[in-house]
Amino acid sequence: MIVAWIAGILRTGKNNPTLLLLIVFMTFFMITQYQSRQKDERIINLAEQNSAYIQRLEAEQLAAKEMRSKIYEMQQEIHKLTVDKSAITRDYHNKLSLVSNELKTATCAAIPLSSNLIKWLQLNPETNKTTSSNSK
């Protein structure tokens, strides 16, 4: 229908420069409108994609924030456990040092020997030798 209308105008407008100018202008206007509509559709399509990407990005950022929070909590727990372990180790070494010092100051003579051990030592004279006398 539009083509027939344009063909009719072209037949009658061959000799009319104003009509030809109107035809050129209308053609230019229709081409421009078509291109504008295509650009609008492309803009809408890109805007929808952009919106989807932004939503994904926001979700990923929220997940990253939660992950950073969990990592921070784990680091705090690791630090607390390290401090606790260090305190336990320090306490263990202090008590071990106290026991060691106690053993250094205490003499073996202060510990009473059982009569069974004395009898066994008397029956086995080889065990009475000290390490220093064995190495001579």
N, C-alpha and C. Protein backbone atom coordinates (compact mmCIF):
# COMPACT_ATOMS: atom_id res chain seq x y z
N MET A 1 0.81 -1.18 0.00
CA MET A 1 0.00 0.00 0.00
C MET A 1 0.87 1.26 0.00
N ILE A 2 1.88 1.26 0.85
CA ILE A 2 2.78 2.41 0.90
C ILE A 2 3.55 2.51 -0.41
N VAL A 3 3.94 1.36 -0.94
CA VAL A 3 4.68 1.36 -2.20
C VAL A 3 3.82 1.94 -3.33
N ALA A 4 2.54 1.56 -3.37
CA ALA A 4 1.64 2.09 -4.41
C ALA A 4 1.46 3.59 -4.23
N TRP A 5 1.35 4.03 -3.01
CA TRP A 5 1.21 5.46 -2.74
C TRP A 5 2.44 6.23 -3.20
N ILE A 6 3.63 5.66 -2.89
CA ILE A 6 4.89 6.31 -3.31
C ILE A 6 4.99 6.30 -4.83
N ALA A 7 4.60 5.19 -5.48
CA ALA A 7 4.65 5.13 -6.94
C ALA A 7 3.73 6.17 -7.57
N GLY A 8 2.55 6.35 -6.99
CA GLY A 8 1.62 7.36 -7.49
C GLY A 8 2.19 8.76 -7.35
N ILE A 9 2.82 9.03 -6.22
CA ILE A 9 3.43 10.36 -6.01
C ILE A 9 4.57 10.58 -7.00
N LEU A 10 5.37 9.54 -7.22
CA LEU A 10 6.49 9.68 -8.16
C LEU A 10 6.00 9.97 -9.58
N ARG A 11 4.89 9.31 -9.99
CA ARG A 11 4.35 9.55 -11.33
C ARG A 11 3.85 10.99 -11.48
N THR A 12 3.18 11.44 -10.44
CA THR A 12 2.64 12.81 -10.55
C THR A 12 3.68 13.86 -10.22
N GLY A 13 4.72 13.48 -9.50
CA GLY A 13 5.69 14.48 -9.07
C GLY A 13 6.90 14.60 -9.95
N LYS A 14 6.88 13.95 -11.11
CA LYS A 14 8.06 14.03 -11.99
C LYS A 14 8.34 15.48 -12.39
N ASN A 15 7.30 16.22 -12.60
CA ASN A 15 7.48 17.59 -13.07
C ASN A 15 7.36 18.60 -11.94
N ASN A 16 7.06 18.16 -10.71
CA ASN A 16 6.85 19.07 -9.59
C ASN A 16 8.04 18.96 -8.61
N PRO A 17 8.93 19.97 -8.58
CA PRO A 17 10.11 19.89 -7.71
C PRO A 17 9.74 19.90 -6.23
N THR A 18 8.70 20.55 -5.83
CA THR A 18 8.30 20.58 -4.42
C THR A 18 7.86 19.20 -3.97
N LEU A 19 7.12 18.53 -4.83
CA LEU A 19 6.66 17.18 -4.51
C LEU A 19 7.85 16.22 -4.44
N LEU A 20 8.80 16.37 -5.34
CA LEU A 20 10.00 15.52 -5.30
C LEU A 20 10.79 15.78 -4.01
N LEU A 21 10.88 17.03 -3.62
CA LEU A 21 11.58 17.37 -2.38
C LEU A 21 10.85 16.77 -1.17
N LEU A 22 9.52 16.80 -1.21
CA LEU A 22 8.72 16.19 -0.15
C LEU A 22 8.94 14.68 -0.11
N ILE A 23 9.03 14.06 -1.28
CA ILE A 23 9.29 12.60 -1.35
C ILE A 23 10.66 12.28 -0.76
N VAL A 24 11.66 13.06 -1.12
CA VAL A 24 13.02 12.82 -0.59
C VAL A 24 13.02 13.01 0.93
N PHE A 25 12.35 14.06 1.38
CA PHE A 25 12.30 14.32 2.81
C PHE A 25 11.57 13.19 3.55
N MET A 26 10.45 12.73 3.02
CA MET A 26 9.69 11.64 3.64
C MET A 26 10.50 10.35 3.66
N THR A 27 11.22 10.08 2.57
CA THR A 27 12.07 8.89 2.52
C THR A 27 13.17 8.98 3.57
N PHE A 28 13.80 10.12 3.65
CA PHE A 28 14.85 10.34 4.65
C PHE A 28 14.26 10.18 6.06
N PHE A 29 13.07 10.74 6.27
CA PHE A 29 12.41 10.66 7.57
C PHE A 29 12.11 9.21 7.93
N MET A 30 11.61 8.41 7.00
CA MET A 30 11.28 7.01 7.27
C MET A 30 12.54 6.20 7.55
N ILE A 31 13.60 6.45 6.78
CA ILE A 31 14.86 5.74 7.03
C ILE A 31 15.40 6.09 8.41
N THR A 32 15.33 7.36 8.74
CA THR A 32 15.81 7.82 10.04
C THR A 32 14.99 7.20 11.17
N GLN A 33 13.68 7.15 11.00
CA GLN A 33 12.80 6.55 12.01
C GLN A 33 13.12 5.06 12.17
N TYR A 34 13.34 4.37 11.05
CA TYR A 34 13.67 2.95 11.10
C TYR A 34 14.98 2.74 11.86
N GLN A 35 16.00 3.53 11.52
CA GLN A 35 17.28 3.40 12.20
C GLN A 35 17.15 3.75 13.68
N SER A 36 16.36 4.77 13.96
CA SER A 36 16.15 5.17 15.35
C SER A 36 15.46 4.06 16.14
N ARG A 37 14.47 3.41 15.54
CA ARG A 37 13.77 2.31 16.19
C ARG A 37 14.73 1.15 16.45
N GLN A 38 15.60 0.85 15.47
CA GLN A 38 16.59 -0.21 15.66
C GLN A 38 17.54 0.13 16.81
N LYS A 39 17.97 1.39 16.85
CA LYS A 39 18.86 1.83 17.93
C LYS A 39 18.15 1.74 19.28
N ASP A 40 16.87 2.14 19.30
CA ASP A 40 16.11 2.05 20.55
C ASP A 40 16.00 0.60 21.02
N GLU A 41 15.73 -0.32 20.10
CA GLU A 41 15.64 -1.73 20.46
C GLU A 41 16.97 -2.24 20.98
N ARG A 42 18.05 -1.81 20.34
CA ARG A 42 19.40 -2.21 20.78
C ARG A 42 19.69 -1.64 22.17
N ILE A 43 19.30 -0.38 22.38
CA ILE A 43 19.51 0.25 23.69
C ILE A 43 18.72 -0.49 24.77
N ILE A 44 17.47 -0.82 24.47
CA ILE A 44 16.65 -1.55 25.44
C ILE A 44 17.25 -2.91 25.74
N ASN A 45 17.71 -3.60 24.69
CA ASN A 45 18.33 -4.91 24.86
C ASN A 45 19.58 -4.80 25.74
N LEU A 46 20.43 -3.82 25.43
CA LEU A 46 21.65 -3.64 26.22
C LEU A 46 21.34 -3.23 27.65
N ALA A 47 20.31 -2.41 27.84
CA ALA A 47 19.92 -2.00 29.19
C ALA A 47 19.44 -3.20 30.00
N GLU A 48 18.69 -4.10 29.37
CA GLU A 48 18.24 -5.31 30.06
C GLU A 48 19.42 -6.20 30.43
N GLN A 49 20.37 -6.36 29.48
CA GLN A 49 21.57 -7.14 29.77
C GLN A 49 22.36 -6.49 30.90
N ASN A 50 22.49 -5.17 30.82
CA ASN A 50 23.23 -4.44 31.85
C ASN A 50 22.58 -4.64 33.22
N SER A 51 21.27 -4.58 33.26
CA SER A 51 20.55 -4.79 34.52
C SER A 51 20.81 -6.19 35.07
N ALA A 52 20.78 -7.18 34.19
CA ALA A 52 21.05 -8.56 34.62
C ALA A 52 22.48 -8.69 35.14
N TYR A 53 23.44 -8.08 34.44
CA TYR A 53 24.83 -8.13 34.88
C TYR A 53 25.02 -7.42 36.22
N ILE A 54 24.34 -6.30 36.38
CA ILE A 54 24.44 -5.56 37.65
C ILE A 54 23.87 -6.40 38.79
N GLN A 55 22.75 -7.07 38.55
CA GLN A 55 22.18 -7.93 39.59
C GLN A 55 23.13 -9.07 39.94
N ARG A 56 23.74 -9.67 38.93
CA ARG A 56 24.72 -10.74 39.19
C ARG A 56 25.91 -10.20 39.95
N LEU A 57 26.38 -9.02 39.55
CA LEU A 57 27.52 -8.40 40.21
C LEU A 57 27.20 -8.09 41.67
N GLU A 58 26.01 -7.57 41.93
CA GLU A 58 25.61 -7.28 43.31
C GLU A 58 25.54 -8.56 44.13
N ALA A 59 25.02 -9.63 43.54
CA ALA A 59 24.95 -10.91 44.24
C ALA A 59 26.35 -11.43 44.53
N GLU A 60 27.25 -11.31 43.56
CA GLU A 60 28.63 -11.76 43.76
C GLU A 60 29.33 -10.90 44.82
N GLN A 61 29.06 -9.60 44.82
CA GLN A 61 29.67 -8.73 45.83
C GLN A 61 29.14 -9.07 47.22
N LEU A 62 27.86 -9.37 47.32
CA LEU A 62 27.29 -9.77 48.60
C LEU A 62 27.92 -11.08 49.07
N ALA A 63 28.07 -12.03 48.15
CA ALA A 63 28.71 -13.31 48.50
C ALA A 63 30.16 -13.08 48.91
N ALA A 64 30.86 -12.18 48.21
CA ALA A 64 32.25 -11.88 48.55
C ALA A 64 32.32 -11.21 49.93
N LYS A 65 31.37 -10.35 50.23
CA LYS A 65 31.34 -9.70 51.54
C LYS A 65 31.13 -10.74 52.64
N GLU A 66 30.20 -11.67 52.41
CA GLU A 66 29.97 -12.73 53.38
C GLU A 66 31.22 -13.60 53.53
N MET A 67 31.88 -13.88 52.41
CA MET A 67 33.10 -14.69 52.45
C MET A 67 34.19 -13.97 53.24
N ARG A 68 34.34 -12.65 53.00
CA ARG A 68 35.34 -11.89 53.76
C ARG A 68 35.02 -11.91 55.25
N SER A 69 33.75 -11.83 55.57
CA SER A 69 33.33 -11.87 56.98
C SER A 69 33.69 -13.22 57.60
N LYS A 70 33.41 -14.30 56.87
CA LYS A 70 33.74 -15.63 57.37
C LYS A 70 35.25 -15.80 57.52
N ILE A 71 36.00 -15.29 56.55
CA ILE A 71 37.47 -15.38 56.62
C ILE A 71 37.97 -14.62 57.84
N TYR A 72 37.41 -13.44 58.09
CA TYR A 72 37.81 -12.64 59.25
C TYR A 72 37.51 -13.40 60.54
N GLU A 73 36.32 -14.01 60.63
CA GLU A 73 35.96 -14.79 61.81
C GLU A 73 36.92 -15.96 62.01
N MET A 74 37.27 -16.64 60.90
CA MET A 74 38.21 -17.76 61.00
C MET A 74 39.58 -17.28 61.46
N GLN A 75 40.03 -16.13 60.94
CA GLN A 75 41.32 -15.59 61.36
C GLN A 75 41.30 -15.23 62.84
N GLN A 76 40.18 -14.68 63.31
CA GLN A 76 40.06 -14.37 64.74
C GLN A 76 40.13 -15.65 65.57
N GLU A 77 39.44 -16.69 65.11
CA GLU A 77 39.46 -17.97 65.82
C GLU A 77 40.86 -18.59 65.80
N ILE A 78 41.53 -18.50 64.65
CA ILE A 78 42.91 -19.02 64.55
C ILE A 78 43.81 -18.27 65.53
N HIS A 79 43.66 -16.95 65.58
CA HIS A 79 44.48 -16.15 66.49
C HIS A 79 44.21 -16.55 67.94
N LYS A 80 42.93 -16.71 68.30
CA LYS A 80 42.57 -17.09 69.66
C LYS A 80 43.15 -18.46 70.00
N LEU A 81 43.01 -19.42 69.08
CA LEU A 81 43.55 -20.76 69.33
C LEU A 81 45.07 -20.75 69.42
N THR A 82 45.71 -19.91 68.61
CA THR A 82 47.17 -19.80 68.67
C THR A 82 47.61 -19.24 70.01
N VAL A 83 46.91 -18.21 70.48
CA VAL A 83 47.24 -17.63 71.79
C VAL A 83 47.01 -18.66 72.89
N ASP A 84 45.89 -19.39 72.82
CA ASP A 84 45.61 -20.43 73.81
C ASP A 84 46.68 -21.52 73.78
N LYS A 85 47.05 -21.95 72.59
CA LYS A 85 48.08 -22.99 72.45
C LYS A 85 49.40 -22.50 73.01
N SER A 86 49.73 -21.26 72.72
CA SER A 86 50.97 -20.68 73.23
C SER A 86 50.96 -20.65 74.75
N ALA A 87 49.83 -20.27 75.33
CA ALA A 87 49.72 -20.23 76.80
C ALA A 87 49.85 -21.63 77.38
N ILE A 88 49.21 -22.61 76.76
CA ILE A 88 49.30 -23.99 77.24
C ILE A 88 50.73 -24.49 77.13
N THR A 89 51.38 -24.22 76.01
CA THR A 89 52.77 -24.65 75.82
C THR A 89 53.68 -23.98 76.84
N ARG A 90 53.48 -22.68 77.07
CA ARG A 90 54.30 -21.95 78.04
C ARG A 90 54.07 -22.52 79.44
N ASP A 91 52.82 -22.80 79.78
CA ASP A 91 52.50 -23.38 81.08
C ASP A 91 53.15 -24.76 81.23
N TYR A 92 53.08 -25.56 80.17
CA TYR A 92 53.69 -26.88 80.19
C TYR A 92 55.20 -26.77 80.41
N HIS A 93 55.85 -25.87 79.68
CA HIS A 93 57.30 -25.71 79.83
C HIS A 93 57.66 -25.19 81.22
N ASN A 94 56.85 -24.29 81.76
CA ASN A 94 57.11 -23.79 83.11
C ASN A 94 57.01 -24.91 84.14
N LYS A 95 55.96 -25.73 84.02
CA LYS A 95 55.80 -26.84 84.96
C LYS A 95 56.90 -27.88 84.77
N LEU A 96 57.27 -28.12 83.53
CA LEU A 96 58.37 -29.05 83.27
C LEU A 96 59.67 -28.53 83.85
N SER A 97 59.88 -27.23 83.74
CA SER A 97 61.08 -26.62 84.31
C SER A 97 61.06 -26.73 85.83
N LEU A 98 59.89 -26.52 86.45
CA LEU A 98 59.79 -26.67 87.91
C LEU A 98 60.11 -28.09 88.34
N VAL A 99 59.56 -29.06 87.62
CA VAL A 99 59.84 -30.47 87.95
C VAL A 99 61.32 -30.76 87.76
N SER A 100 61.89 -30.24 86.67
CA SER A 100 63.31 -30.46 86.41
C SER A 100 64.16 -29.84 87.51
N ASN A 101 63.82 -28.63 87.91
CA ASN A 101 64.57 -27.97 88.99
C ASN A 101 64.41 -28.73 90.30
N GLU A 102 63.20 -29.23 90.54
CA GLU A 102 62.95 -30.01 91.75
C GLU A 102 63.79 -31.28 91.75
N LEU A 103 63.89 -31.92 90.60
CA LEU A 103 64.70 -33.14 90.51
C LEU A 103 66.18 -32.83 90.65
N LYS A 104 66.61 -31.67 90.18
CA LYS A 104 68.02 -31.30 90.32
C LYS A 104 68.38 -31.07 91.79
N THR A 105 67.48 -30.47 92.53
CA THR A 105 67.78 -30.16 93.93
C THR A 105 67.57 -31.36 94.84
N ALA A 106 66.66 -32.24 94.48
CA ALA A 106 66.41 -33.42 95.31
C ALA A 106 67.52 -34.44 95.07
N THR A 107 67.88 -35.15 96.11
CA THR A 107 68.91 -36.19 95.97
C THR A 107 68.24 -37.54 95.94
N CYS A 108 68.93 -38.46 95.34
CA CYS A 108 68.38 -39.82 95.26
C CYS A 108 68.34 -40.46 96.64
N ALA A 109 69.20 -40.03 97.56
CA ALA A 109 69.22 -40.62 98.90
C ALA A 109 67.96 -40.27 99.67
N ALA A 110 67.33 -39.20 99.29
CA ALA A 110 66.11 -38.80 99.98
C ALA A 110 64.94 -39.71 99.65
N ILE A 111 65.08 -40.49 98.60
CA ILE A 111 64.01 -41.40 98.21
C ILE A 111 64.31 -42.76 98.85
N PRO A 112 63.45 -43.25 99.71
CA PRO A 112 63.72 -44.54 100.36
C PRO A 112 63.60 -45.69 99.35
N LEU A 113 64.54 -46.60 99.45
CA LEU A 113 64.52 -47.77 98.57
C LEU A 113 63.77 -48.90 99.28
N SER A 114 63.05 -49.64 98.51
CA SER A 114 62.30 -50.75 99.10
C SER A 114 63.26 -51.88 99.45
N SER A 115 62.88 -52.66 100.41
CA SER A 115 63.74 -53.77 100.84
C SER A 115 63.89 -54.81 99.73
N ASN A 116 62.87 -54.98 98.92
CA ASN A 116 62.96 -55.93 97.80
C ASN A 116 64.01 -55.49 96.80
N LEU A 117 64.10 -54.18 96.54
CA LEU A 117 65.09 -53.67 95.60
C LEU A 117 66.50 -53.85 96.17
N ILE A 118 66.65 -53.64 97.46
CA ILE A 118 67.97 -53.81 98.10
C ILE A 118 68.40 -55.27 98.00
N LYS A 119 67.50 -56.20 98.28
CA LYS A 119 67.81 -57.63 98.19
C LYS A 119 68.19 -58.00 96.76
N TRP A 120 67.45 -57.47 95.79
CA TRP A 120 67.74 -57.80 94.39
C TRP A 120 69.10 -57.27 94.00
N LEU A 121 69.44 -56.07 94.44
CA LEU A 121 70.76 -55.50 94.14
C LEU A 121 71.88 -56.33 94.79
N GLN A 122 71.62 -56.84 95.99
CA GLN A 122 72.63 -57.66 96.66
C GLN A 122 72.81 -59.00 95.96
N LEU A 123 71.73 -59.54 95.42
CA LEU A 123 71.81 -60.82 94.73
C LEU A 123 72.41 -60.69 93.34
N ASN A 124 72.37 -59.54 92.76
CA ASN A 124 72.90 -59.29 91.42
C ASN A 124 73.99 -58.23 91.50
N PRO A 125 75.19 -58.64 91.84
CA PRO A 125 76.26 -57.65 92.03
C PRO A 125 76.65 -56.92 90.74
N GLU A 126 76.39 -57.50 89.61
CA GLU A 126 76.73 -56.85 88.33
C GLU A 126 75.94 -55.55 88.15
N THR A 127 74.77 -55.48 88.69
CA THR A 127 73.95 -54.27 88.55
C THR A 127 74.40 -53.16 89.47
N ASN A 128 75.27 -53.48 90.43
CA ASN A 128 75.76 -52.44 91.34
C ASN A 128 76.78 -51.54 90.68
N LYS A 129 77.36 -52.00 89.58
CA LYS A 129 78.37 -51.20 88.89
C LYS A 129 77.71 -49.98 88.26
N THR A 130 78.37 -48.87 88.34
CA THR A 130 77.86 -47.66 87.71
C THR A 130 78.31 -47.62 86.27
N THR A 131 77.77 -46.72 85.54
CA THR A 131 78.14 -46.58 84.14
C THR A 131 79.59 -46.17 84.02
N SER A 132 80.04 -45.33 84.90
CA SER A 132 81.43 -44.88 84.82
C SER A 132 82.40 -46.02 85.12
N SER A 133 82.03 -46.92 86.02
CA SER A 133 82.92 -48.04 86.29
C SER A 133 82.84 -49.08 85.18
N ASN A 134 81.71 -49.17 84.47
CA ASN A 134 81.58 -50.10 83.34
C ASN A 134 82.40 -49.64 82.16
N SER A 135 82.53 -48.36 81.99
CA SER A 135 83.23 -47.87 80.81
C SER A 135 84.73 -47.90 80.98
N LYS A 136 85.23 -48.14 82.19
CA LYS A 136 86.68 -48.18 82.42
C LYS A 136 87.31 -49.42 81.92
